[in-house]
Amino acid sequence: MYKIVERQDLAPNVHLFKINAPEVAKKAQPGQFVIVRIDEKGERIPLTFADWDTKAGTVTIVFAEAGATTCRLATLNAGDSIENFVGPLGVPTHTEKFGTVVCVGGGIGVAPITPIARGLKQAGNKVISIMGSRNKDLLFWEKNLRACSDELTVCTDDGTYGRKGLVTEPLKELLASGQKIDRVIAIGPIPMMKFCALTTQPFGVKTIVSLNPLMVDGTGMCGCCRVSVDNATKFACVDGPDFDGHKVDWNLMATRAKGYATEEKSAMAKSQCQCHSK
């Protein structure tokens, strides 16, 4: 069993758990993920590392209540335990020195982009970060991301905080400014990552996205997380989750992400989850 040593509620329906998992913390790297199972009958869900502390032996995960399992996970508190916490899984994000890197985090994607930005900064890069959410209430970790960035732009769709607009707008301005941008890394909802890749493509700047499709076993055996990259089938859990955003078949990705919508609605109904009515 893996004990929850700390819980924070970061935004409506967005929560942080710090888990006691010393063996996972020892090997954790930016961009990797864990498979979490609440109990022996629970669904397996992938959650990307938000942080880790090798000395304390803890791993930090941030998750949004999106389905029956994450709603159930949100009912746990510090002192409670979960059955399985398997990782690190996936290929770490490359954080060597590139020059100037733009890190774009949308919504819950701000959590996994933060350790990536930190790793890039430690490697000697100039890190320009852009973070966005639908509104001010859903923003979190601005201070954390700012601490590992040379520049930070905050966007909200409705203009309730920071700059009004989508994250692709300041991204395009940076690319068009003439400043040399060596790499872009974008993590967030599928449409956001897609349009970040479309924004950078005319400028020829390599853009890495983190694909978080449905996963089950996390080892490439089930095939649930297959994606098409450069017209070849890849498995996000073992070949990724990072891929070249210019080579991803985004239409197929979006279709596959909706593949279990009916089952998800049924699971929510059966669980009688009240998470979204708190």
C-alpha atoms as a PDB file:
ATOM      1  CA  MET A   1       0.000   0.000   0.000  1.00  0.00           C
ATOM      2  CA  TYR A   2       1.147   3.537  -0.797  1.00  0.00           C
ATOM      3  CA  LYS A   3       0.304   6.179   1.773  1.00  0.00           C
ATOM      4  CA  ILE A   4      -0.929   9.654   0.887  1.00  0.00           C
ATOM      5  CA  VAL A   5       1.210  11.934   3.048  1.00  0.00           C
ATOM      6  CA  GLU A   6      -0.221  15.225   1.799  1.00  0.00           C
ATOM      7  CA  ARG A   7      -3.286  16.452  -0.070  1.00  0.00           C
ATOM      8  CA  GLN A   8      -3.891  19.885  -1.585  1.00  0.00           C
ATOM      9  CA  ASP A   9      -6.923  21.133  -3.485  1.00  0.00           C
ATOM     10  CA  LEU A  10      -5.396  23.320  -6.196  1.00  0.00           C
ATOM     11  CA  ALA A  11      -8.527  24.398  -8.075  1.00  0.00           C
ATOM     12  CA  PRO A  12     -12.128  23.240  -8.407  1.00  0.00           C
ATOM     13  CA  ASN A  13     -11.960  19.456  -8.988  1.00  0.00           C
ATOM     14  CA  VAL A  14      -8.138  19.553  -9.288  1.00  0.00           C
ATOM     15  CA  HIS A  15      -6.115  17.919  -6.519  1.00  0.00           C
ATOM     16  CA  LEU A  16      -2.524  17.230  -5.515  1.00  0.00           C
ATOM     17  CA  PHE A  17      -1.444  14.084  -3.706  1.00  0.00           C
ATOM     18  CA  LYS A  18       2.021  13.534  -2.326  1.00  0.00           C
ATOM     19  CA  ILE A  19       2.550   9.772  -2.145  1.00  0.00           C
ATOM     20  CA  ASN A  20       5.108   7.854  -0.112  1.00  0.00           C
ATOM     21  CA  ALA A  21       6.837   5.809  -2.829  1.00  0.00           C
ATOM     22  CA  PRO A  22      10.622   5.883  -2.248  1.00  0.00           C
ATOM     23  CA  GLU A  23      11.549   3.349  -4.938  1.00  0.00           C
ATOM     24  CA  VAL A  24       9.588   5.269  -7.573  1.00  0.00           C
ATOM     25  CA  ALA A  25      11.005   8.605  -6.417  1.00  0.00           C
ATOM     26  CA  LYS A  26      14.579   7.307  -6.790  1.00  0.00           C
ATOM     27  CA  LYS A  27      14.203   6.801 -10.544  1.00  0.00           C
ATOM     28  CA  ALA A  28      11.608   9.431 -11.513  1.00  0.00           C
ATOM     29  CA  GLN A  29      12.436  11.727 -14.440  1.00  0.00           C
ATOM     30  CA  PRO A  30      10.513  14.542 -16.143  1.00  0.00           C
ATOM     31  CA  GLY A  31       7.797  13.379 -18.515  1.00  0.00           C
ATOM     32  CA  GLN A  32       7.377   9.901 -17.045  1.00  0.00           C
ATOM     33  CA  PHE A  33       4.205   8.612 -15.420  1.00  0.00           C
ATOM     34  CA  VAL A  34       2.812   6.107 -12.944  1.00  0.00           C
ATOM     35  CA  ILE A  35      -0.135   3.732 -13.131  1.00  0.00           C
ATOM     36  CA  VAL A  36      -2.370   4.167 -10.092  1.00  0.00           C
ATOM     37  CA  ARG A  37      -4.948   1.688  -8.801  1.00  0.00           C
ATOM     38  CA  ILE A  38      -6.980   2.587  -5.722  1.00  0.00           C
ATOM     39  CA  ASP A  39      -7.690  -1.000  -4.665  1.00  0.00           C
ATOM     40  CA  GLU A  40      -7.550  -4.547  -6.030  1.00  0.00           C
ATOM     41  CA  LYS A  41     -10.772  -4.053  -8.017  1.00  0.00           C
ATOM     42  CA  GLY A  42      -9.922  -0.552  -9.178  1.00  0.00           C
ATOM     43  CA  GLU A  43      -9.333   0.780 -12.685  1.00  0.00           C
ATOM     44  CA  ARG A  44      -5.739   1.459 -13.707  1.00  0.00           C
ATOM     45  CA  ILE A  45      -5.157   5.144 -14.521  1.00  0.00           C
ATOM     46  CA  PRO A  46      -1.988   6.902 -15.789  1.00  0.00           C
ATOM     47  CA  LEU A  47      -0.806  10.067 -14.038  1.00  0.00           C
ATOM     48  CA  THR A  48       2.288  12.005 -15.107  1.00  0.00           C
ATOM     49  CA  PHE A  49       4.831  13.063 -12.482  1.00  0.00           C
ATOM     50  CA  ALA A  50       4.285  16.576 -11.191  1.00  0.00           C
ATOM     51  CA  ASP A  51       7.250  16.387  -8.799  1.00  0.00           C
ATOM     52  CA  TRP A  52       9.291  14.031  -6.624  1.00  0.00           C
ATOM     53  CA  ASP A  53      11.651  14.162  -3.672  1.00  0.00           C
ATOM     54  CA  THR A  54      14.298  11.441  -3.556  1.00  0.00           C
ATOM     55  CA  LYS A  55      15.334  12.297   0.015  1.00  0.00           C
ATOM     56  CA  ALA A  56      11.810  12.252   1.399  1.00  0.00           C
ATOM     57  CA  GLY A  57      10.863   9.322  -0.822  1.00  0.00           C
ATOM     58  CA  THR A  58       7.724  10.998  -2.115  1.00  0.00           C
ATOM     59  CA  VAL A  59       6.140  11.460  -5.535  1.00  0.00           C
ATOM     60  CA  THR A  60       3.661  14.232  -6.326  1.00  0.00           C
ATOM     61  CA  ILE A  61       0.740  13.690  -8.678  1.00  0.00           C
ATOM     62  CA  VAL A  62      -1.873  16.217  -9.781  1.00  0.00           C
ATOM     63  CA  PHE A  63      -5.174  15.045 -11.232  1.00  0.00           C
ATOM     64  CA  ALA A  64      -8.528  16.405 -12.294  1.00  0.00           C
ATOM     65  CA  GLU A  65     -11.832  14.700 -11.584  1.00  0.00           C
ATOM     66  CA  ALA A  66     -12.626  13.459 -15.060  1.00  0.00           C
ATOM     67  CA  GLY A  67     -14.294  10.080 -14.543  1.00  0.00           C
ATOM     68  CA  ALA A  68     -15.522   7.636 -11.942  1.00  0.00           C
ATOM     69  CA  THR A  69     -12.034   6.577 -10.801  1.00  0.00           C
ATOM     70  CA  THR A  70     -10.563  10.063 -10.457  1.00  0.00           C
ATOM     71  CA  CYS A  71     -13.707  11.185  -8.642  1.00  0.00           C
ATOM     72  CA  ARG A  72     -13.271   8.296  -6.254  1.00  0.00           C
ATOM     73  CA  LEU A  73      -9.568   9.073  -5.884  1.00  0.00           C
ATOM     74  CA  ALA A  74     -10.549  12.617  -4.890  1.00  0.00           C
ATOM     75  CA  THR A  75     -12.441  11.297  -1.860  1.00  0.00           C
ATOM     76  CA  LEU A  76      -9.175  10.129  -0.276  1.00  0.00           C
ATOM     77  CA  ASN A  77      -7.215  12.240   2.175  1.00  0.00           C
ATOM     78  CA  ALA A  78      -3.813  12.401   3.823  1.00  0.00           C
ATOM     79  CA  GLY A  79      -3.335   9.222   5.834  1.00  0.00           C
ATOM     80  CA  ASP A  80      -5.264   7.066   3.383  1.00  0.00           C
ATOM     81  CA  SER A  81      -3.488   4.577   1.127  1.00  0.00           C
ATOM     82  CA  ILE A  82      -3.810   3.305  -2.435  1.00  0.00           C
ATOM     83  CA  GLU A  83      -3.172  -0.258  -3.589  1.00  0.00           C
ATOM     84  CA  ASN A  84      -0.791   0.237  -6.540  1.00  0.00           C
ATOM     85  CA  PHE A  85       1.579   2.985  -7.630  1.00  0.00           C
ATOM     86  CA  VAL A  86       3.625   1.544 -10.493  1.00  0.00           C
ATOM     87  CA  GLY A  87       6.452   3.416 -12.188  1.00  0.00           C
ATOM     88  CA  PRO A  88       8.375   5.206 -13.430  1.00  0.00           C
ATOM     89  CA  LEU A  89       6.883   4.332 -16.834  1.00  0.00           C
ATOM     90  CA  GLY A  90       7.401   5.832 -20.264  1.00  0.00           C
ATOM     91  CA  VAL A  91      10.393   7.496 -21.912  1.00  0.00           C
ATOM     92  CA  PRO A  92      11.665  10.592 -20.039  1.00  0.00           C
ATOM     93  CA  THR A  93      11.447  13.964 -21.760  1.00  0.00           C
ATOM     94  CA  HIS A  94      14.775  14.987 -23.294  1.00  0.00           C
ATOM     95  CA  THR A  95      16.008  17.904 -21.208  1.00  0.00           C
ATOM     96  CA  GLU A  96      19.485  18.467 -22.614  1.00  0.00           C
ATOM     97  CA  LYS A  97      20.689  21.897 -23.677  1.00  0.00           C
ATOM     98  CA  PHE A  98      18.913  23.064 -26.833  1.00  0.00           C
ATOM     99  CA  GLY A  99      19.204  26.839 -26.443  1.00  0.00           C
ATOM    100  CA  THR A 100      15.849  28.563 -26.037  1.00  0.00           C
ATOM    101  CA  VAL A 101      12.862  26.361 -25.254  1.00  0.00           C
ATOM    102  CA  VAL A 102       9.221  27.391 -24.972  1.00  0.00           C
ATOM    103  CA  CYS A 103       7.191  25.293 -22.519  1.00  0.00           C
ATOM    104  CA  VAL A 104       3.426  25.506 -22.939  1.00  0.00           C
ATOM    105  CA  GLY A 105       1.089  24.118 -20.281  1.00  0.00           C
ATOM    106  CA  GLY A 106      -2.671  24.133 -20.650  1.00  0.00           C
ATOM    107  CA  GLY A 107      -5.054  23.312 -17.812  1.00  0.00           C
ATOM    108  CA  ILE A 108      -3.880  20.261 -15.871  1.00  0.00           C
ATOM    109  CA  GLY A 109      -0.841  20.164 -18.189  1.00  0.00           C
ATOM    110  CA  VAL A 110       0.798  22.847 -16.065  1.00  0.00           C
ATOM    111  CA  ALA A 111       1.651  20.150 -13.507  1.00  0.00           C
ATOM    112  CA  PRO A 112       3.779  17.889 -15.752  1.00  0.00           C
ATOM    113  CA  ILE A 113       5.299  20.802 -17.710  1.00  0.00           C
ATOM    114  CA  THR A 114       6.769  22.291 -14.507  1.00  0.00           C
ATOM    115  CA  PRO A 115       9.408  19.589 -13.787  1.00  0.00           C
ATOM    116  CA  ILE A 116      10.236  19.567 -17.503  1.00  0.00           C
ATOM    117  CA  ALA A 117      10.843  23.325 -17.451  1.00  0.00           C
ATOM    118  CA  ARG A 118      12.954  22.871 -14.322  1.00  0.00           C
ATOM    119  CA  GLY A 119      15.046  20.160 -15.974  1.00  0.00           C
ATOM    120  CA  LEU A 120      15.556  22.278 -19.079  1.00  0.00           C
ATOM    121  CA  LYS A 121      16.600  25.257 -16.955  1.00  0.00           C
ATOM    122  CA  GLN A 122      19.075  23.132 -15.011  1.00  0.00           C
ATOM    123  CA  ALA A 123      20.543  21.949 -18.324  1.00  0.00           C
ATOM    124  CA  GLY A 124      21.374  25.546 -19.237  1.00  0.00           C
ATOM    125  CA  ASN A 125      18.480  26.451 -21.522  1.00  0.00           C
ATOM    126  CA  LYS A 126      16.648  29.727 -21.644  1.00  0.00           C
ATOM    127  CA  VAL A 127      13.120  28.710 -20.698  1.00  0.00           C
ATOM    128  CA  ILE A 128      10.122  30.744 -21.825  1.00  0.00           C
ATOM    129  CA  SER A 129       6.885  29.401 -20.397  1.00  0.00           C
ATOM    130  CA  ILE A 130       3.257  29.965 -21.321  1.00  0.00           C
ATOM    131  CA  MET A 131       0.442  28.672 -19.124  1.00  0.00           C
ATOM    132  CA  GLY A 132      -3.283  28.916 -19.665  1.00  0.00           C
ATOM    133  CA  SER A 133      -6.693  27.894 -18.397  1.00  0.00           C
ATOM    134  CA  ARG A 134     -10.322  28.684 -19.059  1.00  0.00           C
ATOM    135  CA  ASN A 135     -10.509  31.182 -16.170  1.00  0.00           C
ATOM    136  CA  LYS A 136      -8.701  32.503 -13.099  1.00  0.00           C
ATOM    137  CA  ASP A 137     -10.260  29.951 -10.732  1.00  0.00           C
ATOM    138  CA  LEU A 138      -8.731  27.050 -12.656  1.00  0.00           C
ATOM    139  CA  LEU A 139      -5.172  28.418 -12.629  1.00  0.00           C
ATOM    140  CA  PHE A 140      -2.629  26.809 -10.327  1.00  0.00           C
ATOM    141  CA  TRP A 141       1.158  26.597  -9.862  1.00  0.00           C
ATOM    142  CA  GLU A 142       1.917  29.949 -11.458  1.00  0.00           C
ATOM    143  CA  LYS A 143       4.565  30.541  -8.785  1.00  0.00           C
ATOM    144  CA  ASN A 144       6.097  27.092  -9.339  1.00  0.00           C
ATOM    145  CA  LEU A 145       6.383  27.494 -13.103  1.00  0.00           C
ATOM    146  CA  ARG A 146       7.660  31.060 -12.821  1.00  0.00           C
ATOM    147  CA  ALA A 147      10.451  29.867 -10.509  1.00  0.00           C
ATOM    148  CA  CYS A 148      11.957  27.687 -13.257  1.00  0.00           C
ATOM    149  CA  SER A 149      11.321  30.033 -16.199  1.00  0.00           C
ATOM    150  CA  ASP A 150      13.161  33.057 -17.534  1.00  0.00           C
ATOM    151  CA  GLU A 151       9.862  34.448 -18.788  1.00  0.00           C
ATOM    152  CA  LEU A 152       6.263  33.491 -18.092  1.00  0.00           C
ATOM    153  CA  THR A 153       3.042  34.491 -19.812  1.00  0.00           C
ATOM    154  CA  VAL A 154      -0.281  33.605 -18.188  1.00  0.00           C
ATOM    155  CA  CYS A 155      -3.421  33.364 -20.319  1.00  0.00           C
ATOM    156  CA  THR A 156      -7.084  32.837 -19.498  1.00  0.00           C
ATOM    157  CA  ASP A 157      -9.723  32.221 -22.122  1.00  0.00           C
ATOM    158  CA  ASP A 158     -12.121  34.726 -20.548  1.00  0.00           C
ATOM    159  CA  GLY A 159      -9.542  37.337 -19.501  1.00  0.00           C
ATOM    160  CA  THR A 160     -10.226  37.046 -15.757  1.00  0.00           C
ATOM    161  CA  TYR A 161      -6.474  36.886 -15.110  1.00  0.00           C
ATOM    162  CA  GLY A 162      -3.345  37.598 -17.093  1.00  0.00           C
ATOM    163  CA  ARG A 163      -3.684  37.906 -20.827  1.00  0.00           C
ATOM    164  CA  LYS A 164      -7.032  37.174 -22.458  1.00  0.00           C
ATOM    165  CA  GLY A 165      -6.797  34.538 -25.159  1.00  0.00           C
ATOM    166  CA  LEU A 166      -5.385  31.135 -26.007  1.00  0.00           C
ATOM    167  CA  VAL A 167      -1.807  30.004 -25.347  1.00  0.00           C
ATOM    168  CA  THR A 168      -1.205  29.745 -29.095  1.00  0.00           C
ATOM    169  CA  GLU A 169      -1.365  33.537 -29.447  1.00  0.00           C
ATOM    170  CA  PRO A 170       1.760  34.431 -27.395  1.00  0.00           C
ATOM    171  CA  LEU A 171       3.422  31.326 -28.848  1.00  0.00           C
ATOM    172  CA  LYS A 172       2.911  32.610 -32.394  1.00  0.00           C
ATOM    173  CA  GLU A 173       4.155  36.066 -31.410  1.00  0.00           C
ATOM    174  CA  LEU A 174       7.365  34.581 -29.997  1.00  0.00           C
ATOM    175  CA  LEU A 175       7.959  32.598 -33.173  1.00  0.00           C
ATOM    176  CA  ALA A 176       7.265  35.615 -35.388  1.00  0.00           C
ATOM    177  CA  SER A 177       9.434  37.971 -33.319  1.00  0.00           C
ATOM    178  CA  GLY A 178      12.653  36.790 -34.933  1.00  0.00           C
ATOM    179  CA  GLN A 179      13.963  35.392 -31.644  1.00  0.00           C
ATOM    180  CA  LYS A 180      15.559  31.988 -32.206  1.00  0.00           C
ATOM    181  CA  ILE A 181      13.380  29.317 -30.659  1.00  0.00           C
ATOM    182  CA  ASP A 182      15.066  25.925 -30.640  1.00  0.00           C
ATOM    183  CA  ARG A 183      12.251  23.757 -29.311  1.00  0.00           C
ATOM    184  CA  VAL A 184       8.662  23.907 -28.088  1.00  0.00           C
ATOM    185  CA  ILE A 185       7.159  21.476 -25.581  1.00  0.00           C
ATOM    186  CA  ALA A 186       3.381  21.517 -25.134  1.00  0.00           C
ATOM    187  CA  ILE A 187       1.293  19.556 -22.640  1.00  0.00           C
ATOM    188  CA  GLY A 188      -2.431  19.919 -22.168  1.00  0.00           C
ATOM    189  CA  PRO A 189      -5.752  18.993 -23.759  1.00  0.00           C
ATOM    190  CA  ILE A 190      -5.586  17.343 -27.186  1.00  0.00           C
ATOM    191  CA  PRO A 191      -6.932  20.409 -29.078  1.00  0.00           C
ATOM    192  CA  MET A 192      -4.396  22.671 -27.359  1.00  0.00           C
ATOM    193  CA  MET A 193      -1.450  20.444 -28.256  1.00  0.00           C
ATOM    194  CA  LYS A 194      -2.728  20.049 -31.804  1.00  0.00           C
ATOM    195  CA  PHE A 195      -2.972  23.787 -32.375  1.00  0.00           C
ATOM    196  CA  CYS A 196       0.397  24.445 -30.732  1.00  0.00           C
ATOM    197  CA  ALA A 197       1.893  22.019 -33.274  1.00  0.00           C
ATOM    198  CA  LEU A 198       0.017  23.700 -36.126  1.00  0.00           C
ATOM    199  CA  THR A 199       1.268  27.085 -34.904  1.00  0.00           C
ATOM    200  CA  THR A 200       4.926  26.046 -34.866  1.00  0.00           C
ATOM    201  CA  GLN A 201       4.916  23.995 -38.058  1.00  0.00           C
ATOM    202  CA  PRO A 202       5.248  26.931 -40.516  1.00  0.00           C
ATOM    203  CA  PHE A 203       8.276  28.123 -38.520  1.00  0.00           C
ATOM    204  CA  GLY A 204       9.997  24.741 -38.625  1.00  0.00           C
ATOM    205  CA  VAL A 205      10.461  24.565 -34.849  1.00  0.00           C
ATOM    206  CA  LYS A 206      10.431  21.020 -33.463  1.00  0.00           C
ATOM    207  CA  THR A 207       7.474  20.632 -31.158  1.00  0.00           C
ATOM    208  CA  ILE A 208       7.154  17.860 -28.584  1.00  0.00           C
ATOM    209  CA  VAL A 209       3.763  16.904 -27.209  1.00  0.00           C
ATOM    210  CA  SER A 210       2.857  14.492 -24.432  1.00  0.00           C
ATOM    211  CA  LEU A 211       0.090  12.145 -25.560  1.00  0.00           C
ATOM    212  CA  ASN A 212      -2.124  10.937 -22.777  1.00  0.00           C
ATOM    213  CA  PRO A 213      -4.668   8.695 -24.486  1.00  0.00           C
ATOM    214  CA  LEU A 214      -6.466   5.903 -22.713  1.00  0.00           C
ATOM    215  CA  MET A 215      -4.041   3.484 -21.103  1.00  0.00           C
ATOM    216  CA  VAL A 216      -4.711   0.238 -19.310  1.00  0.00           C
ATOM    217  CA  ASP A 217      -1.633  -1.806 -18.500  1.00  0.00           C
ATOM    218  CA  GLY A 218       1.042   0.840 -19.160  1.00  0.00           C
ATOM    219  CA  THR A 219       3.504  -1.674 -20.633  1.00  0.00           C
ATOM    220  CA  GLY A 220       2.432  -1.795 -24.290  1.00  0.00           C
ATOM    221  CA  MET A 221       0.741  -5.193 -24.068  1.00  0.00           C
ATOM    222  CA  CYS A 222      -2.910  -4.181 -24.306  1.00  0.00           C
ATOM    223  CA  GLY A 223      -2.632  -1.818 -27.291  1.00  0.00           C
ATOM    224  CA  CYS A 224      -5.174   0.552 -25.787  1.00  0.00           C
ATOM    225  CA  CYS A 225      -2.891   3.573 -26.135  1.00  0.00           C
ATOM    226  CA  ARG A 226      -1.906   3.133 -29.764  1.00  0.00           C
ATOM    227  CA  VAL A 227      -1.432   6.323 -31.747  1.00  0.00           C
ATOM    228  CA  SER A 228      -0.312   7.072 -35.301  1.00  0.00           C
ATOM    229  CA  VAL A 229       2.932   9.041 -35.567  1.00  0.00           C
ATOM    230  CA  ASP A 230       4.524   9.637 -38.973  1.00  0.00           C
ATOM    231  CA  ASN A 231       2.109   7.051 -40.406  1.00  0.00           C
ATOM    232  CA  ALA A 232       3.402   4.378 -38.043  1.00  0.00           C
ATOM    233  CA  THR A 233       1.593   2.833 -35.085  1.00  0.00           C
ATOM    234  CA  LYS A 234       3.153   3.704 -31.740  1.00  0.00           C
ATOM    235  CA  PHE A 235       2.205   2.915 -28.183  1.00  0.00           C
ATOM    236  CA  ALA A 236       2.129   6.010 -25.999  1.00  0.00           C
ATOM    237  CA  CYS A 237       2.965   4.142 -22.812  1.00  0.00           C
ATOM    238  CA  VAL A 238       6.246   2.600 -24.029  1.00  0.00           C
ATOM    239  CA  ASP A 239       7.241   4.644 -27.101  1.00  0.00           C
ATOM    240  CA  GLY A 240       6.153   7.914 -25.480  1.00  0.00           C
ATOM    241  CA  PRO A 241       4.350   9.681 -24.017  1.00  0.00           C
ATOM    242  CA  ASP A 242       6.447  12.320 -25.868  1.00  0.00           C
ATOM    243  CA  PHE A 243       6.163  12.530 -29.652  1.00  0.00           C
ATOM    244  CA  ASP A 244       6.887  14.999 -32.430  1.00  0.00           C
ATOM    245  CA  GLY A 245       3.679  17.017 -32.646  1.00  0.00           C
ATOM    246  CA  HIS A 246       4.147  17.649 -36.371  1.00  0.00           C
ATOM    247  CA  LYS A 247       3.959  13.901 -37.061  1.00  0.00           C
ATOM    248  CA  VAL A 248       0.940  12.984 -34.898  1.00  0.00           C
ATOM    249  CA  ASP A 249      -2.335  12.039 -36.593  1.00  0.00           C
ATOM    250  CA  TRP A 250      -4.435  14.392 -34.490  1.00  0.00           C
ATOM    251  CA  ASN A 251      -7.778  13.431 -36.013  1.00  0.00           C
ATOM    252  CA  LEU A 252      -7.222   9.783 -35.144  1.00  0.00           C
ATOM    253  CA  MET A 253      -5.980  10.780 -31.701  1.00  0.00           C
ATOM    254  CA  ALA A 254      -9.150  12.788 -31.016  1.00  0.00           C
ATOM    255  CA  THR A 255     -11.356   9.947 -32.219  1.00  0.00           C
ATOM    256  CA  ARG A 256      -9.604   7.377 -30.050  1.00  0.00           C
ATOM    257  CA  ALA A 257      -9.838   9.637 -26.998  1.00  0.00           C
ATOM    258  CA  LYS A 258     -13.629   9.442 -27.300  1.00  0.00           C
ATOM    259  CA  GLY A 259     -13.662   5.701 -27.838  1.00  0.00           C
ATOM    260  CA  TYR A 260     -14.933   4.821 -24.384  1.00  0.00           C
ATOM    261  CA  ALA A 261     -17.230   7.801 -23.801  1.00  0.00           C
ATOM    262  CA  THR A 262     -20.317   5.592 -23.384  1.00  0.00           C
ATOM    263  CA  GLU A 263     -18.584   3.307 -20.892  1.00  0.00           C
ATOM    264  CA  GLU A 264     -17.262   6.310 -18.969  1.00  0.00           C
ATOM    265  CA  LYS A 265     -20.752   7.783 -18.636  1.00  0.00           C
ATOM    266  CA  SER A 266     -22.074   4.425 -17.477  1.00  0.00           C
ATOM    267  CA  ALA A 267     -19.304   4.095 -14.882  1.00  0.00           C
ATOM    268  CA  MET A 268     -20.052   7.572 -13.552  1.00  0.00           C
ATOM    269  CA  ALA A 269     -23.745   6.745 -13.268  1.00  0.00           C
ATOM    270  CA  LYS A 270     -23.109   3.426 -11.526  1.00  0.00           C
ATOM    271  CA  SER A 271     -20.704   5.019  -9.057  1.00  0.00           C
ATOM    272  CA  GLN A 272     -23.264   7.730  -8.239  1.00  0.00           C
ATOM    273  CA  CYS A 273     -20.295  10.063  -8.102  1.00  0.00           C
ATOM    274  CA  GLN A 274     -21.076  13.457  -6.625  1.00  0.00           C
ATOM    275  CA  CYS A 275     -17.658  14.997  -7.267  1.00  0.00           C
ATOM    276  CA  HIS A 276     -18.848  17.641  -9.731  1.00  0.00           C
ATOM    277  CA  SER A 277     -21.685  18.801  -7.517  1.00  0.00           C
ATOM    278  CA  LYS A 278     -19.521  19.643  -4.497  1.00  0.00           C
END
